[in-house]
Amino acid sequence: MRIYRNSTGRFCHNPIATRTAVSFLVRVNRRFLAIVLLILATLLGLYFLSGTGATSVLLANASDVAENPASFQDRELRVRGFVKPGTILRMGDKAEFVVELDGKNLPVLYDGNSQLPDTFGDAAPVRVDGHLKDGTLMAHKVEAKCASKYDAPHAGQPGYGTSEALDAMQAAEKDG
């Protein structure tokens, strides 16, 4: 068995404790620590630079947005409701209409970046994506469902234009 001198000058039987071996381990640990710190700094930087959910979409009923528009300002919204009959005004690719739910109306201005769906029309259940500006939903996406497919009440029938009708359609959509 060989006896080695460690960094403090004492004798020991462990070859790792030699000055050369210890300095090598310290260099390796410093490199490892530097790499770990660099990875952590990068992850923290990405977290703080990515924002705090500015791209998230808030789901809302048209009645809630129409009733209290101030609480929905500066947010990307996905609003559900029904197209109020007789309110659709098409201007080339753009369109203006009113989304109603539970007796409340929300005016919508659609920018025409994509084509309106074939099922879009009076009394159709819709989901509109956009943001509020002066009480009007500035929409960039419109999705319309075919109400007859879900046996939903049409305009003028009892139950039309209510949250319960939309909930029933969503439930039927999940089941089917």
Protein backbone atom coordinates (compact mmCIF):
# COMPACT_ATOMS: atom_id res chain seq x y z
CA MET A 1 0.00 0.00 0.00
CA ARG A 2 1.26 3.40 -0.91
CA ILE A 3 0.97 6.50 1.27
CA TYR A 4 0.19 9.87 -0.33
CA ARG A 5 0.53 13.39 0.91
CA ASN A 6 -2.72 15.45 0.66
CA SER A 7 -3.05 19.22 0.08
CA THR A 8 -2.59 20.02 3.78
CA GLY A 9 0.67 18.09 3.93
CA ARG A 10 -0.70 15.19 5.92
CA PHE A 11 -0.16 11.60 4.93
CA CYS A 12 -3.10 9.48 3.86
CA HIS A 13 -3.86 6.27 2.00
CA ASN A 14 -6.30 7.85 -0.47
CA PRO A 15 -4.74 8.71 -3.85
CA ILE A 16 -7.65 11.04 -4.68
CA ALA A 17 -6.54 13.33 -1.91
CA THR A 18 -3.32 14.21 -3.68
CA ARG A 19 -2.87 17.79 -4.76
CA THR A 20 -3.15 17.00 -8.47
CA ALA A 21 -6.31 14.96 -8.05
CA VAL A 22 -7.96 17.54 -5.82
CA SER A 23 -7.23 20.41 -8.21
CA PHE A 24 -8.65 18.34 -11.10
CA LEU A 25 -11.88 17.71 -9.17
CA VAL A 26 -12.17 21.39 -8.28
CA ARG A 27 -11.80 22.34 -11.98
CA VAL A 28 -14.44 19.77 -12.99
CA ASN A 29 -16.83 20.97 -10.28
CA ARG A 30 -16.36 24.60 -11.32
CA ARG A 31 -17.16 23.74 -14.94
CA PHE A 32 -20.21 21.76 -13.89
CA LEU A 33 -21.37 24.59 -11.63
CA ALA A 34 -20.82 27.13 -14.42
CA ILE A 35 -22.89 25.04 -16.85
CA VAL A 36 -25.72 24.59 -14.33
CA LEU A 37 -25.75 28.35 -13.61
CA LEU A 38 -25.79 29.16 -17.32
CA ILE A 39 -28.76 26.83 -17.87
CA LEU A 40 -30.66 28.32 -14.92
CA ALA A 41 -29.96 31.88 -16.09
CA THR A 42 -31.20 31.01 -19.58
CA LEU A 43 -34.41 29.45 -18.25
CA LEU A 44 -35.10 32.40 -15.96
CA GLY A 45 -34.46 34.82 -18.81
CA LEU A 46 -36.89 32.99 -21.07
CA TYR A 47 -39.50 32.95 -18.34
CA PHE A 48 -39.33 36.69 -17.67
CA LEU A 49 -38.97 37.72 -21.31
CA SER A 50 -41.86 35.57 -22.49
CA GLY A 51 -44.39 37.69 -20.64
CA THR A 52 -47.07 36.80 -18.16
CA GLY A 53 -49.80 35.31 -20.32
CA ALA A 54 -50.45 38.23 -22.66
CA THR A 55 -51.29 35.70 -25.36
CA SER A 56 -53.88 33.84 -23.30
CA VAL A 57 -57.50 33.95 -24.40
CA LEU A 58 -60.31 34.73 -21.94
CA LEU A 59 -63.52 32.77 -22.57
CA ALA A 60 -66.64 34.83 -21.93
CA ASN A 61 -70.35 34.98 -22.64
CA ALA A 62 -71.56 37.86 -24.80
CA SER A 63 -73.96 38.88 -22.01
CA ASP A 64 -71.10 39.27 -19.51
CA VAL A 65 -68.98 41.33 -21.90
CA ALA A 66 -71.93 43.55 -22.89
CA GLU A 67 -72.91 44.09 -19.26
CA ASN A 68 -69.44 45.05 -18.00
CA PRO A 69 -67.07 45.87 -20.90
CA ALA A 70 -64.54 47.68 -18.69
CA SER A 71 -63.49 44.43 -17.01
CA PHE A 72 -62.68 42.86 -20.40
CA GLN A 73 -60.51 45.67 -21.82
CA ASP A 74 -56.97 44.90 -23.01
CA ARG A 75 -57.64 41.15 -23.18
CA GLU A 76 -57.87 38.70 -26.04
CA LEU A 77 -61.42 37.37 -25.83
CA ARG A 78 -63.34 34.35 -27.11
CA VAL A 79 -66.99 35.33 -26.85
CA ARG A 80 -69.95 33.01 -27.35
CA GLY A 81 -73.53 33.86 -28.15
CA PHE A 82 -76.04 33.98 -31.02
CA VAL A 83 -76.07 36.23 -34.08
CA LYS A 84 -78.96 38.62 -33.57
CA PRO A 85 -81.33 38.29 -36.55
CA GLY A 86 -81.33 41.23 -38.95
CA THR A 87 -78.04 42.73 -37.73
CA ILE A 88 -75.59 41.30 -40.27
CA LEU A 89 -74.09 43.98 -42.52
CA ARG A 90 -71.46 42.74 -44.98
CA MET A 91 -68.95 45.17 -46.48
CA GLY A 92 -66.77 43.15 -48.88
CA ASP A 93 -64.68 40.85 -46.71
CA LYS A 94 -65.63 42.71 -43.53
CA ALA A 95 -68.84 42.36 -41.58
CA GLU A 96 -70.73 44.02 -38.75
CA PHE A 97 -73.23 42.13 -36.63
CA VAL A 98 -74.52 41.84 -33.08
CA VAL A 99 -73.98 38.85 -30.80
CA GLU A 100 -76.74 38.41 -28.24
CA LEU A 101 -77.09 36.26 -25.17
CA ASP A 102 -79.55 36.39 -22.28
CA GLY A 103 -81.09 39.61 -23.62
CA LYS A 104 -77.77 41.50 -23.81
CA ASN A 105 -76.22 42.68 -27.10
CA LEU A 106 -72.55 42.99 -28.06
CA PRO A 107 -71.69 44.74 -31.35
CA VAL A 108 -68.99 43.04 -33.42
CA LEU A 109 -66.81 44.36 -36.25
CA TYR A 110 -65.16 41.51 -38.15
CA ASP A 111 -61.94 42.44 -39.98
CA GLY A 112 -62.33 39.93 -42.81
CA ASN A 113 -58.88 38.32 -42.50
CA SER A 114 -60.48 34.96 -43.21
CA GLN A 115 -63.72 33.92 -44.82
CA LEU A 116 -66.87 33.78 -42.72
CA PRO A 117 -68.13 30.21 -42.26
CA ASP A 118 -70.99 28.92 -44.41
CA THR A 119 -73.09 28.32 -41.30
CA PHE A 120 -72.80 32.00 -40.28
CA GLY A 121 -76.19 33.67 -40.48
CA ASP A 122 -79.12 35.07 -38.49
CA ALA A 123 -79.70 33.30 -35.15
CA ALA A 124 -76.64 31.06 -35.59
CA PRO A 125 -74.70 30.16 -32.46
CA VAL A 126 -71.24 31.76 -32.79
CA ARG A 127 -67.89 31.98 -31.10
CA VAL A 128 -65.98 35.17 -31.90
CA ASP A 129 -62.30 35.87 -31.13
CA GLY A 130 -61.02 39.43 -30.78
CA HIS A 131 -60.58 42.35 -28.39
CA LEU A 132 -62.80 45.19 -27.17
CA LYS A 133 -62.44 48.71 -28.48
CA ASP A 134 -64.94 51.35 -27.35
CA GLY A 135 -67.54 48.69 -26.43
CA THR A 136 -67.27 46.89 -29.79
CA LEU A 137 -65.64 43.51 -30.22
CA MET A 138 -62.98 43.86 -32.94
CA ALA A 139 -63.04 40.29 -34.25
CA HIS A 140 -60.40 38.45 -36.23
CA LYS A 141 -62.03 35.00 -36.13
CA VAL A 142 -65.64 33.85 -36.29
CA GLU A 143 -66.86 30.27 -35.85
CA ALA A 144 -70.52 29.42 -36.40
CA LYS A 145 -72.41 26.25 -35.58
CA CYS A 146 -75.44 24.89 -37.34
CA ALA A 147 -78.22 25.20 -34.74
CA SER A 148 -80.50 22.63 -36.39
CA LYS A 149 -77.82 19.94 -35.97
CA TYR A 150 -78.20 20.21 -32.20
CA ASP A 151 -81.97 20.75 -32.11
CA ALA A 152 -81.38 24.17 -30.59
CA PRO A 153 -84.25 26.65 -30.47
CA HIS A 154 -84.32 29.12 -33.37
CA ALA A 155 -85.00 32.84 -33.17
CA GLY A 156 -88.47 33.50 -31.83
CA GLN A 157 -88.77 30.09 -30.15
CA PRO A 158 -88.79 29.72 -26.38
CA GLY A 159 -85.25 29.28 -25.03
CA TYR A 160 -83.51 30.97 -27.95
CA GLY A 161 -80.66 33.33 -27.07
CA THR A 162 -79.99 31.93 -23.60
CA SER A 163 -76.90 30.54 -21.91
CA GLU A 164 -78.81 27.32 -21.31
CA ALA A 165 -79.29 26.83 -25.06
CA LEU A 166 -75.55 27.30 -25.65
CA ASP A 167 -74.69 24.92 -22.82
CA ALA A 168 -77.05 22.30 -24.26
CA MET A 169 -75.40 22.64 -27.68
CA GLN A 170 -71.94 22.24 -26.17
CA ALA A 171 -73.06 19.14 -24.29
CA ALA A 172 -74.58 17.67 -27.47
CA GLU A 173 -71.38 18.49 -29.37
CA LYS A 174 -69.25 16.61 -26.81
CA ASP A 175 -71.59 13.60 -26.85
CA GLY A 176 -71.76 13.42 -30.64
